[in-house]
Structures are given as structure tokens and as C-alpha cells.
C-alpha atoms as a PDB file:
ATOM      1  CA  UNK A   1    -109.122 -26.458 -89.595  1.00  0.00           C
ATOM      2  CA  UNK A   2    -106.366 -23.934 -88.979  1.00  0.00           C
ATOM      3  CA  UNK A   3    -102.957 -24.815 -90.429  1.00  0.00           C
ATOM      4  CA  UNK A   4    -100.127 -25.767 -88.088  1.00  0.00           C
ATOM      5  CA  UNK A   5     -97.252 -23.306 -88.164  1.00  0.00           C
ATOM      6  CA  UNK A   6     -93.748 -24.746 -88.096  1.00  0.00           C
ATOM      7  CA  UNK A   7     -90.361 -23.025 -88.333  1.00  0.00           C
ATOM      8  CA  UNK A   8     -88.361 -23.299 -91.532  1.00  0.00           C
ATOM      9  CA  UNK A   9     -84.630 -23.615 -92.082  1.00  0.00           C
ATOM     10  CA  UNK A  10     -82.651 -20.525 -92.971  1.00  0.00           C
ATOM     11  CA  UNK A  11     -81.394 -20.270 -96.529  1.00  0.00           C
ATOM     12  CA  UNK A  12     -79.435 -17.754 -98.630  1.00  0.00           C
ATOM     13  CA  UNK A  13     -81.180 -14.812-100.265  1.00  0.00           C
ATOM     14  CA  UNK A  14     -82.691 -15.483-103.656  1.00  0.00           C
ATOM     15  CA  UNK A  15     -83.537 -13.212-106.568  1.00  0.00           C
ATOM     16  CA  UNK A  16     -86.726 -12.454-108.480  1.00  0.00           C
ATOM     17  CA  UNK A  17     -84.771 -13.625-111.522  1.00  0.00           C
ATOM     18  CA  UNK A  18     -85.159 -17.235-110.380  1.00  0.00           C
ATOM     19  CA  UNK A  19     -86.726 -19.502-112.967  1.00  0.00           C
ATOM     20  CA  UNK A  20     -88.908 -22.459-112.053  1.00  0.00           C
ATOM     21  CA  UNK A  21     -90.408 -22.535-108.593  1.00  0.00           C
ATOM     22  CA  UNK A  22     -90.670 -25.931-106.973  1.00  0.00           C
ATOM     23  CA  UNK A  23     -94.030 -27.075-105.525  1.00  0.00           C
ATOM     24  CA  UNK A  24     -94.680 -26.162-101.904  1.00  0.00           C
ATOM     25  CA  UNK A  25     -96.537 -28.199 -99.272  1.00  0.00           C
ATOM     26  CA  UNK A  26    -100.259 -27.486 -99.237  1.00  0.00           C
ATOM     27  CA  UNK A  27    -101.133 -28.584 -95.699  1.00  0.00           C
ATOM     28  CA  UNK A  28     -98.675 -26.676 -93.567  1.00  0.00           C
ATOM     29  CA  UNK A  29     -97.450 -23.198 -92.862  1.00  0.00           C
ATOM     30  CA  UNK A  30     -94.097 -21.891 -91.759  1.00  0.00           C
ATOM     31  CA  UNK A  31     -93.405 -19.239 -89.194  1.00  0.00           C
ATOM     32  CA  UNK A  32     -91.689 -16.122 -90.457  1.00  0.00           C
ATOM     33  CA  UNK A  33     -90.399 -12.804 -89.176  1.00  0.00           C
ATOM     34  CA  UNK A  34     -93.012 -10.287 -90.205  1.00  0.00           C
ATOM     35  CA  UNK A  35     -90.614  -7.548 -91.202  1.00  0.00           C
ATOM     36  CA  UNK A  36     -93.153  -5.020 -89.921  1.00  0.00           C
ATOM     37  CA  UNK A  37     -90.556  -2.715 -88.387  1.00  0.00           C
ATOM     38  CA  UNK A  38     -90.413   0.818 -89.664  1.00  0.00           C
ATOM     39  CA  UNK A  39     -87.618   1.781 -92.015  1.00  0.00           C
ATOM     40  CA  UNK A  40     -84.790   4.052 -90.908  1.00  0.00           C
ATOM     41  CA  UNK A  41     -85.859   6.254 -93.808  1.00  0.00           C
ATOM     42  CA  UNK A  42     -89.290   6.850 -92.279  1.00  0.00           C
ATOM     43  CA  UNK A  43     -88.412  10.473 -91.487  1.00  0.00           C
ATOM     44  CA  UNK A  44     -87.520  11.082 -95.142  1.00  0.00           C
ATOM     45  CA  UNK A  45     -90.680   9.709 -96.706  1.00  0.00           C
ATOM     46  CA  UNK A  46     -93.388  12.413 -96.445  1.00  0.00           C
ATOM     47  CA  UNK A  47     -96.081  10.111 -95.093  1.00  0.00           C
ATOM     48  CA  UNK A  48     -99.048  12.259 -93.976  1.00  0.00           C
ATOM     49  CA  UNK A  49    -100.393  12.121 -90.435  1.00  0.00           C
ATOM     50  CA  UNK A  50    -103.931  11.412 -91.600  1.00  0.00           C
ATOM     51  CA  UNK A  51    -103.804   8.116 -93.452  1.00  0.00           C
ATOM     52  CA  UNK A  52    -106.138   7.526 -96.370  1.00  0.00           C
ATOM     53  CA  UNK A  53    -105.259   6.080 -99.751  1.00  0.00           C
ATOM     54  CA  UNK A  54    -105.961   9.456-101.312  1.00  0.00           C
ATOM     55  CA  UNK A  55    -103.686  11.346 -98.923  1.00  0.00           C
ATOM     56  CA  UNK A  56    -100.945   8.745 -99.279  1.00  0.00           C
ATOM     57  CA  UNK A  57    -101.102   8.763-103.063  1.00  0.00           C
ATOM     58  CA  UNK A  58    -100.928  12.551-103.150  1.00  0.00           C
ATOM     59  CA  UNK A  59     -98.013  12.763-100.698  1.00  0.00           C
ATOM     60  CA  UNK A  60     -96.055   9.996-102.427  1.00  0.00           C
ATOM     61  CA  UNK A  61     -95.882  12.073-105.591  1.00  0.00           C
ATOM     62  CA  UNK A  62     -93.328  14.308-103.893  1.00  0.00           C
ATOM     63  CA  UNK A  63     -91.260  11.556-102.251  1.00  0.00           C
ATOM     64  CA  UNK A  64     -87.480  11.869-102.600  1.00  0.00           C
ATOM     65  CA  UNK A  65     -86.494   9.452 -99.845  1.00  0.00           C
ATOM     66  CA  UNK A  66     -84.126   7.734-102.304  1.00  0.00           C
ATOM     67  CA  UNK A  67     -82.712   8.673-105.692  1.00  0.00           C
ATOM     68  CA  UNK A  68     -85.134   6.577-107.740  1.00  0.00           C
ATOM     69  CA  UNK A  69     -87.404   9.585-108.206  1.00  0.00           C
ATOM     70  CA  UNK A  70     -84.739  10.884-110.591  1.00  0.00           C
ATOM     71  CA  UNK A  71     -85.127   7.782-112.796  1.00  0.00           C
ATOM     72  CA  UNK A  72     -88.853   7.215-112.727  1.00  0.00           C
ATOM     73  CA  UNK A  73     -91.277   9.216-114.815  1.00  0.00           C
ATOM     74  CA  UNK A  74     -93.640   9.382-111.846  1.00  0.00           C
ATOM     75  CA  UNK A  75     -94.561   7.714-108.588  1.00  0.00           C
ATOM     76  CA  UNK A  76     -96.652   4.596-109.190  1.00  0.00           C
ATOM     77  CA  UNK A  77     -98.749   4.117-106.064  1.00  0.00           C
ATOM     78  CA  UNK A  78    -100.974   1.182-105.191  1.00  0.00           C
ATOM     79  CA  UNK A  79    -104.547   0.945-106.414  1.00  0.00           C
ATOM     80  CA  UNK A  80    -107.688  -0.830-105.338  1.00  0.00           C
ATOM     81  CA  UNK A  81    -110.476  -0.604-102.739  1.00  0.00           C
ATOM     82  CA  UNK A  82    -109.486   0.943 -99.413  1.00  0.00           C
ATOM     83  CA  UNK A  83    -110.904  -2.077 -97.603  1.00  0.00           C
ATOM     84  CA  UNK A  84    -109.850  -4.771-100.048  1.00  0.00           C
ATOM     85  CA  UNK A  85    -109.639  -8.198 -98.446  1.00  0.00           C
ATOM     86  CA  UNK A  86    -106.701  -9.181-100.625  1.00  0.00           C
ATOM     87  CA  UNK A  87    -103.506  -7.218-101.227  1.00  0.00           C
ATOM     88  CA  UNK A  88    -100.885  -8.195-103.803  1.00  0.00           C
ATOM     89  CA  UNK A  89     -97.399  -6.732-103.376  1.00  0.00           C
ATOM     90  CA  UNK A  90     -94.790  -6.874-106.134  1.00  0.00           C
ATOM     91  CA  UNK A  91     -91.261  -5.523-106.415  1.00  0.00           C
ATOM     92  CA  UNK A  92     -91.539  -2.269-108.389  1.00  0.00           C
ATOM     93  CA  UNK A  93     -93.397  -0.765-111.353  1.00  0.00           C
ATOM     94  CA  UNK A  94     -92.089  -1.677-114.781  1.00  0.00           C
ATOM     95  CA  UNK A  95     -91.722   0.350-117.959  1.00  0.00           C
ATOM     96  CA  UNK A  96     -95.436   0.233-118.827  1.00  0.00           C
ATOM     97  CA  UNK A  97     -96.469   1.130-115.289  1.00  0.00           C
ATOM     98  CA  UNK A  98     -93.973   3.984-115.112  1.00  0.00           C
ATOM     99  CA  UNK A  99     -95.419   5.544-118.252  1.00  0.00           C
ATOM    100  CA  UNK A 100     -99.071   4.933-117.342  1.00  0.00           C
ATOM    101  CA  UNK A 101     -98.815   5.761-113.634  1.00  0.00           C
ATOM    102  CA  UNK A 102    -100.737   2.620-112.614  1.00  0.00           C
ATOM    103  CA  UNK A 103     -99.484  -0.669-111.109  1.00  0.00           C
ATOM    104  CA  UNK A 104     -99.626  -3.998-112.949  1.00  0.00           C
ATOM    105  CA  UNK A 105    -100.816  -2.750-116.334  1.00  0.00           C
ATOM    106  CA  UNK A 106     -97.983  -4.219-118.453  1.00  0.00           C
ATOM    107  CA  UNK A 107     -97.474  -7.813-119.636  1.00  0.00           C
ATOM    108  CA  UNK A 108     -97.017  -9.116-116.072  1.00  0.00           C
ATOM    109  CA  UNK A 109    -100.167  -7.302-114.987  1.00  0.00           C
ATOM    110  CA  UNK A 110    -102.139  -8.789-117.852  1.00  0.00           C
ATOM    111  CA  UNK A 111    -100.977 -12.272-116.849  1.00  0.00           C
ATOM    112  CA  UNK A 112    -102.014 -11.560-113.253  1.00  0.00           C
ATOM    113  CA  UNK A 113    -105.456 -10.428-114.472  1.00  0.00           C
ATOM    114  CA  UNK A 114    -105.775 -13.572-116.564  1.00  0.00           C
ATOM    115  CA  UNK A 115    -104.959 -15.904-113.683  1.00  0.00           C
ATOM    116  CA  UNK A 116    -107.147 -13.999-111.225  1.00  0.00           C
ATOM    117  CA  UNK A 117    -110.068 -14.414-113.604  1.00  0.00           C
ATOM    118  CA  UNK A 118    -109.246 -18.095-114.023  1.00  0.00           C
ATOM    119  CA  UNK A 119    -109.388 -18.788-110.284  1.00  0.00           C
ATOM    120  CA  UNK A 120    -112.492 -16.631-109.801  1.00  0.00           C
ATOM    121  CA  UNK A 121    -111.071 -13.509-108.157  1.00  0.00           C
ATOM    122  CA  UNK A 122    -112.367 -10.113-109.273  1.00  0.00           C
ATOM    123  CA  UNK A 123    -109.360  -7.861-109.959  1.00  0.00           C
ATOM    124  CA  UNK A 124    -111.423  -4.791-109.101  1.00  0.00           C
ATOM    125  CA  UNK A 125    -111.867  -6.144-105.561  1.00  0.00           C
ATOM    126  CA  UNK A 126    -108.153  -6.514-104.745  1.00  0.00           C
ATOM    127  CA  UNK A 127    -105.461  -3.971-103.904  1.00  0.00           C
ATOM    128  CA  UNK A 128    -102.236  -4.100-105.918  1.00  0.00           C
ATOM    129  CA  UNK A 129     -99.015  -2.302-105.060  1.00  0.00           C
ATOM    130  CA  UNK A 130     -95.223  -2.640-104.948  1.00  0.00           C
ATOM    131  CA  UNK A 131     -92.556  -2.388-102.272  1.00  0.00           C
ATOM    132  CA  UNK A 132     -90.847   0.305-104.397  1.00  0.00           C
ATOM    133  CA  UNK A 133     -92.941   3.023-106.032  1.00  0.00           C
ATOM    134  CA  UNK A 134     -90.515   4.211-108.738  1.00  0.00           C
ATOM    135  CA  UNK A 135     -89.196   2.328-111.761  1.00  0.00           C
ATOM    136  CA  UNK A 136     -85.510   1.519-111.486  1.00  0.00           C
ATOM    137  CA  UNK A 137     -83.965   0.908-114.885  1.00  0.00           C
ATOM    138  CA  UNK A 138     -80.855   1.050-117.017  1.00  0.00           C
ATOM    139  CA  UNK A 139     -80.575   1.779-120.723  1.00  0.00           C
ATOM    140  CA  UNK A 140     -80.277  -1.166-123.076  1.00  0.00           C
ATOM    141  CA  UNK A 141     -76.976  -1.491-124.907  1.00  0.00           C
ATOM    142  CA  UNK A 142     -78.867  -1.160-128.162  1.00  0.00           C
ATOM    143  CA  UNK A 143     -81.981   0.828-128.895  1.00  0.00           C
ATOM    144  CA  UNK A 144     -83.979   2.943-126.487  1.00  0.00           C
ATOM    145  CA  UNK A 145     -85.400   0.239-124.252  1.00  0.00           C
ATOM    146  CA  UNK A 146     -85.349   0.731-120.489  1.00  0.00           C
ATOM    147  CA  UNK A 147     -84.283  -2.468-118.763  1.00  0.00           C
ATOM    148  CA  UNK A 148     -85.532  -3.363-115.287  1.00  0.00           C
ATOM    149  CA  UNK A 149     -82.862  -3.168-112.606  1.00  0.00           C
ATOM    150  CA  UNK A 150     -83.334  -4.762-109.193  1.00  0.00           C
ATOM    151  CA  UNK A 151     -83.695  -2.175-106.414  1.00  0.00           C
ATOM    152  CA  UNK A 152     -81.107  -2.088-103.647  1.00  0.00           C
ATOM    153  CA  UNK A 153     -81.989  -2.904-100.054  1.00  0.00           C
ATOM    154  CA  UNK A 154     -81.575   0.780 -99.115  1.00  0.00           C
ATOM    155  CA  UNK A 155     -84.090   1.781-101.805  1.00  0.00           C
ATOM    156  CA  UNK A 156     -86.595  -0.783-100.586  1.00  0.00           C
ATOM    157  CA  UNK A 157     -86.129   0.464 -97.028  1.00  0.00           C
ATOM    158  CA  UNK A 158     -86.556   4.085 -98.083  1.00  0.00           C
ATOM    159  CA  UNK A 159     -89.908   3.213 -99.671  1.00  0.00           C
ATOM    160  CA  UNK A 160     -91.057   0.934 -96.856  1.00  0.00           C
ATOM    161  CA  UNK A 161     -93.033   3.605 -94.942  1.00  0.00           C
ATOM    162  CA  UNK A 162     -95.443   3.867 -97.877  1.00  0.00           C
ATOM    163  CA  UNK A 163     -96.124   0.134 -97.885  1.00  0.00           C
ATOM    164  CA  UNK A 164     -96.512   0.107 -94.112  1.00  0.00           C
ATOM    165  CA  UNK A 165     -99.063   2.901 -94.449  1.00  0.00           C
ATOM    166  CA  UNK A 166    -100.945   1.059 -97.207  1.00  0.00           C
ATOM    167  CA  UNK A 167    -101.137  -2.027 -95.003  1.00  0.00           C
ATOM    168  CA  UNK A 168    -102.387   0.076 -92.101  1.00  0.00           C
ATOM    169  CA  UNK A 169    -105.156   1.639 -94.204  1.00  0.00           C
ATOM    170  CA  UNK A 170    -106.292  -1.403 -96.173  1.00  0.00           C
ATOM    171  CA  UNK A 171    -105.847  -3.995 -93.408  1.00  0.00           C
ATOM    172  CA  UNK A 172    -106.068  -6.925 -95.845  1.00  0.00           C
ATOM    173  CA  UNK A 173    -107.197 -10.317 -94.649  1.00  0.00           C
ATOM    174  CA  UNK A 174    -104.952 -11.944 -97.235  1.00  0.00           C
ATOM    175  CA  UNK A 175    -101.530 -10.612 -98.216  1.00  0.00           C
ATOM    176  CA  UNK A 176     -99.793 -12.109-101.256  1.00  0.00           C
ATOM    177  CA  UNK A 177     -96.145 -11.305-101.951  1.00  0.00           C
ATOM    178  CA  UNK A 178     -95.295 -11.604-105.628  1.00  0.00           C
ATOM    179  CA  UNK A 179     -91.675 -12.605-106.100  1.00  0.00           C
ATOM    180  CA  UNK A 180     -88.573 -12.762-103.941  1.00  0.00           C
ATOM    181  CA  UNK A 181     -88.053  -9.016-103.476  1.00  0.00           C
ATOM    182  CA  UNK A 182     -91.509  -8.484-101.989  1.00  0.00           C
ATOM    183  CA  UNK A 183     -91.354 -11.684 -99.943  1.00  0.00           C
ATOM    184  CA  UNK A 184     -87.954 -10.911 -98.478  1.00  0.00           C
ATOM    185  CA  UNK A 185     -88.862  -7.285 -97.786  1.00  0.00           C
ATOM    186  CA  UNK A 186     -91.942  -8.337 -95.818  1.00  0.00           C
ATOM    187  CA  UNK A 187     -91.070 -11.799 -94.490  1.00  0.00           C
ATOM    188  CA  UNK A 188     -87.328 -11.630 -94.000  1.00  0.00           C
ATOM    189  CA  UNK A 189     -84.230 -11.925 -96.154  1.00  0.00           C
ATOM    190  CA  UNK A 190     -84.004 -15.698 -95.698  1.00  0.00           C
ATOM    191  CA  UNK A 191     -87.413 -16.387 -97.219  1.00  0.00           C
ATOM    192  CA  UNK A 192     -87.161 -18.425-100.405  1.00  0.00           C
ATOM    193  CA  UNK A 193     -90.057 -18.334-102.851  1.00  0.00           C
ATOM    194  CA  UNK A 194     -88.710 -21.408-104.653  1.00  0.00           C
ATOM    195  CA  UNK A 195     -89.021 -23.379-101.418  1.00  0.00           C
ATOM    196  CA  UNK A 196     -92.037 -21.865 -99.671  1.00  0.00           C
ATOM    197  CA  UNK A 197     -94.306 -20.507-102.408  1.00  0.00           C
ATOM    198  CA  UNK A 198     -97.944 -21.347-102.016  1.00  0.00           C
ATOM    199  CA  UNK A 199     -97.653 -21.869 -98.253  1.00  0.00           C
ATOM    200  CA  UNK A 200     -99.473 -19.631 -95.791  1.00  0.00           C
ATOM    201  CA  UNK A 201     -96.995 -18.286 -93.248  1.00  0.00           C
ATOM    202  CA  UNK A 202     -97.381 -16.820 -89.778  1.00  0.00           C
ATOM    203  CA  UNK A 203     -97.094 -13.023 -89.778  1.00  0.00           C
ATOM    204  CA  UNK A 204     -98.558 -10.031 -87.975  1.00  0.00           C
ATOM    205  CA  UNK A 205     -99.030  -8.281 -91.328  1.00  0.00           C
ATOM    206  CA  UNK A 206    -102.336 -10.044 -92.078  1.00  0.00           C
ATOM    207  CA  UNK A 207    -104.314 -13.083 -90.937  1.00  0.00           C
ATOM    208  CA  UNK A 208    -103.271 -14.995 -94.070  1.00  0.00           C
ATOM    209  CA  UNK A 209     -99.924 -14.338 -95.739  1.00  0.00           C
ATOM    210  CA  UNK A 210     -98.495 -16.149 -98.756  1.00  0.00           C
ATOM    211  CA  UNK A 211     -95.685 -15.645-101.231  1.00  0.00           C
ATOM    212  CA  UNK A 212     -95.682 -16.883-104.790  1.00  0.00           C
ATOM    213  CA  UNK A 213     -93.791 -16.190-107.983  1.00  0.00           C
ATOM    214  CA  UNK A 214     -94.011 -12.825-109.705  1.00  0.00           C
ATOM    215  CA  UNK A 215     -95.875 -13.079-113.023  1.00  0.00           C
ATOM    216  CA  UNK A 216     -92.906 -11.432-114.749  1.00  0.00           C
ATOM    217  CA  UNK A 217     -90.755 -14.438-113.837  1.00  0.00           C
ATOM    218  CA  UNK A 218     -93.224 -16.660-115.676  1.00  0.00           C
ATOM    219  CA  UNK A 219     -92.897 -14.485-118.770  1.00  0.00           C
ATOM    220  CA  UNK A 220     -89.097 -14.826-118.555  1.00  0.00           C
ATOM    221  CA  UNK A 221     -89.217 -18.629-118.610  1.00  0.00           C
ATOM    222  CA  UNK A 222     -86.753 -20.061-121.152  1.00  0.00           C
ATOM    223  CA  UNK A 223     -89.335 -21.931-123.231  1.00  0.00           C
ATOM    224  CA  UNK A 224     -93.071 -22.487-123.595  1.00  0.00           C
ATOM    225  CA  UNK A 225     -93.032 -25.762-121.673  1.00  0.00           C
ATOM    226  CA  UNK A 226     -91.392 -24.181-118.651  1.00  0.00           C
ATOM    227  CA  UNK A 227     -93.665 -21.164-118.949  1.00  0.00           C
ATOM    228  CA  UNK A 228     -96.770 -23.351-118.823  1.00  0.00           C
ATOM    229  CA  UNK A 229     -95.377 -25.259-115.850  1.00  0.00           C
ATOM    230  CA  UNK A 230     -94.765 -22.070-113.876  1.00  0.00           C
ATOM    231  CA  UNK A 231     -98.123 -20.650-114.868  1.00  0.00           C
ATOM    232  CA  UNK A 232     -99.860 -23.790-113.596  1.00  0.00           C
ATOM    233  CA  UNK A 233     -98.041 -23.418-110.256  1.00  0.00           C
ATOM    234  CA  UNK A 234     -99.114 -19.779-110.100  1.00  0.00           C
ATOM    235  CA  UNK A 235    -102.734 -20.802-110.712  1.00  0.00           C
ATOM    236  CA  UNK A 236    -102.498 -23.411-107.957  1.00  0.00           C
ATOM    237  CA  UNK A 237    -101.244 -20.820-105.477  1.00  0.00           C
ATOM    238  CA  UNK A 238    -103.909 -18.243-106.303  1.00  0.00           C
ATOM    239  CA  UNK A 239    -106.637 -20.888-106.058  1.00  0.00           C
ATOM    240  CA  UNK A 240    -105.696 -21.173-102.387  1.00  0.00           C
ATOM    241  CA  UNK A 241    -106.305 -17.448-102.050  1.00  0.00           C
ATOM    242  CA  UNK A 242    -109.652 -17.730-103.839  1.00  0.00           C
ATOM    243  CA  UNK A 243    -110.699 -20.546-101.505  1.00  0.00           C
ATOM    244  CA  UNK A 244    -110.420 -18.153 -98.545  1.00  0.00           C
ATOM    245  CA  UNK A 245    -112.665 -15.521-100.092  1.00  0.00           C
ATOM    246  CA  UNK A 246    -116.395 -15.293 -99.479  1.00  0.00           C
ATOM    247  CA  UNK A 247    -118.489 -15.840-102.582  1.00  0.00           C
ATOM    248  CA  UNK A 248    -119.447 -12.186-102.844  1.00  0.00           C
ATOM    249  CA  UNK A 249    -115.816 -11.216-103.466  1.00  0.00           C
ATOM    250  CA  UNK A 250    -115.207 -13.909-106.045  1.00  0.00           C
ATOM    251  CA  UNK A 251    -116.572 -14.301-109.534  1.00  0.00           C
ATOM    252  CA  UNK A 252    -118.434 -17.522-110.007  1.00  0.00           C
ATOM    253  CA  UNK A 253    -116.430 -19.750-112.280  1.00  0.00           C
END
């Protein structure tokens, strides 16, 4: 039976730095603005006319639509099958991803892999990307560590044409926003992951759209008890995704 879509109340913008995410209803969906409009920076991003993942990845290497290219080691574009049924969208590449040139290969990526395997989803069958393709960071006060810095709205907008193009090529059946930055970029600035995580929402971006916590927020939990609690919630949300997949795209578990 198809879920009933109902409107949700408007709430202030939240941050990916939020800690515990409260449980969301499992039998309803909320209607959301899709956020599918093109960015004002579309003319600056060198998106090619012929859209394939290969052409997009190649063109994105030269993107200077915002100043983040000066900070990042390289563009970190999305990866996965061109016709993946599931797309995961995070905020931006981290330090590990910036150095390796691949998305979700650091600690947060390893946690995502672990949970995907636990719920029976084959990582090689999903597409993973970020709303921002360069690593935004600031130097730690001590040592040589590069500390994640939240991208500005203008930087997210400048990079939006790439994500729009990825969505157009992949055409996922299921779109999962990881964290507040991705959710608010795609579903509207009033979307709150702490309130609506794990709930499928109405959107023209894909037939099934959900937001959940970013795995990095789980790793930032203040203690092991809270970390396990958030991880369990993350597993619950991704099980809903796995339940929508045909057996051939899921690993038997």
C-alpha cells in the first residue's frame, strides 16, 4: 500500500552537527519542496551538453564555480553504476576522500559500508555522491590536521548543477539524503532530519525519497552508548530502503 503524504510544519534550519536523531514515524510520509530548481550558478559550472557519468566526471575536474577548488586537492565526483536504483547524497568529501579522489572512503564511508552490508544492500550497486564536490576545511589550531568546515549556501548552490546532472543521468528509484546539508539542499531549508529522518517524502527527484543521519554524525556521538543508539536508528532507516529493493539488487542476509 502506498504511503499517505501529509504536509509537515515549518521549522528552523538545522546543522549536520546535530547529535541524536529522534525516531520518525514509519507509516507516513510528508510532502516536501523538491528543491529541483537549477542554481543561479548553472552558467558557471561547466556541465557538458552530453550527459554521461564519464563526461560529467571529466568536466567537473575543471570546475571553478566557487572558490572551494582552491582548498580541495581535487574534485571528488560521485561513483557507482549509471543506472543505480539507489543514490546516497552526503554533504561534501572529507579529508580521506579529498586525498583519495573517491567519495565515502574514510571512517564515515566505512560505517556506511558496514550498515549497508548489515541490511543486505550491495554497496557496488548504489551510487554515492555529495552536494559539494570539493573538501572545505580549515587548519587545526595544533598540528597539521584539516578540519571539516560546513559549506556556505552559495557554495552548495554553485555545485548544484553537478548534482542535478547526476540525478538526470542515474534516475534513481530511491534517493537517500545523508545529513541536514544534503536534505536541506534537496528538500528545502526547513527540513529537519531530527524530526523527519526515516520517513519517505513526496518529491519529484525520485519515486522514493528519504533523509537520514550522516554516518559522520554517528562517529561524533559523545559516548559509546549514544553512538550505538544512533547507529541502530541508522540501520532502521536503511532497512526501509532495502525493503524496497528487488532481491537481485540486495545481498541475501
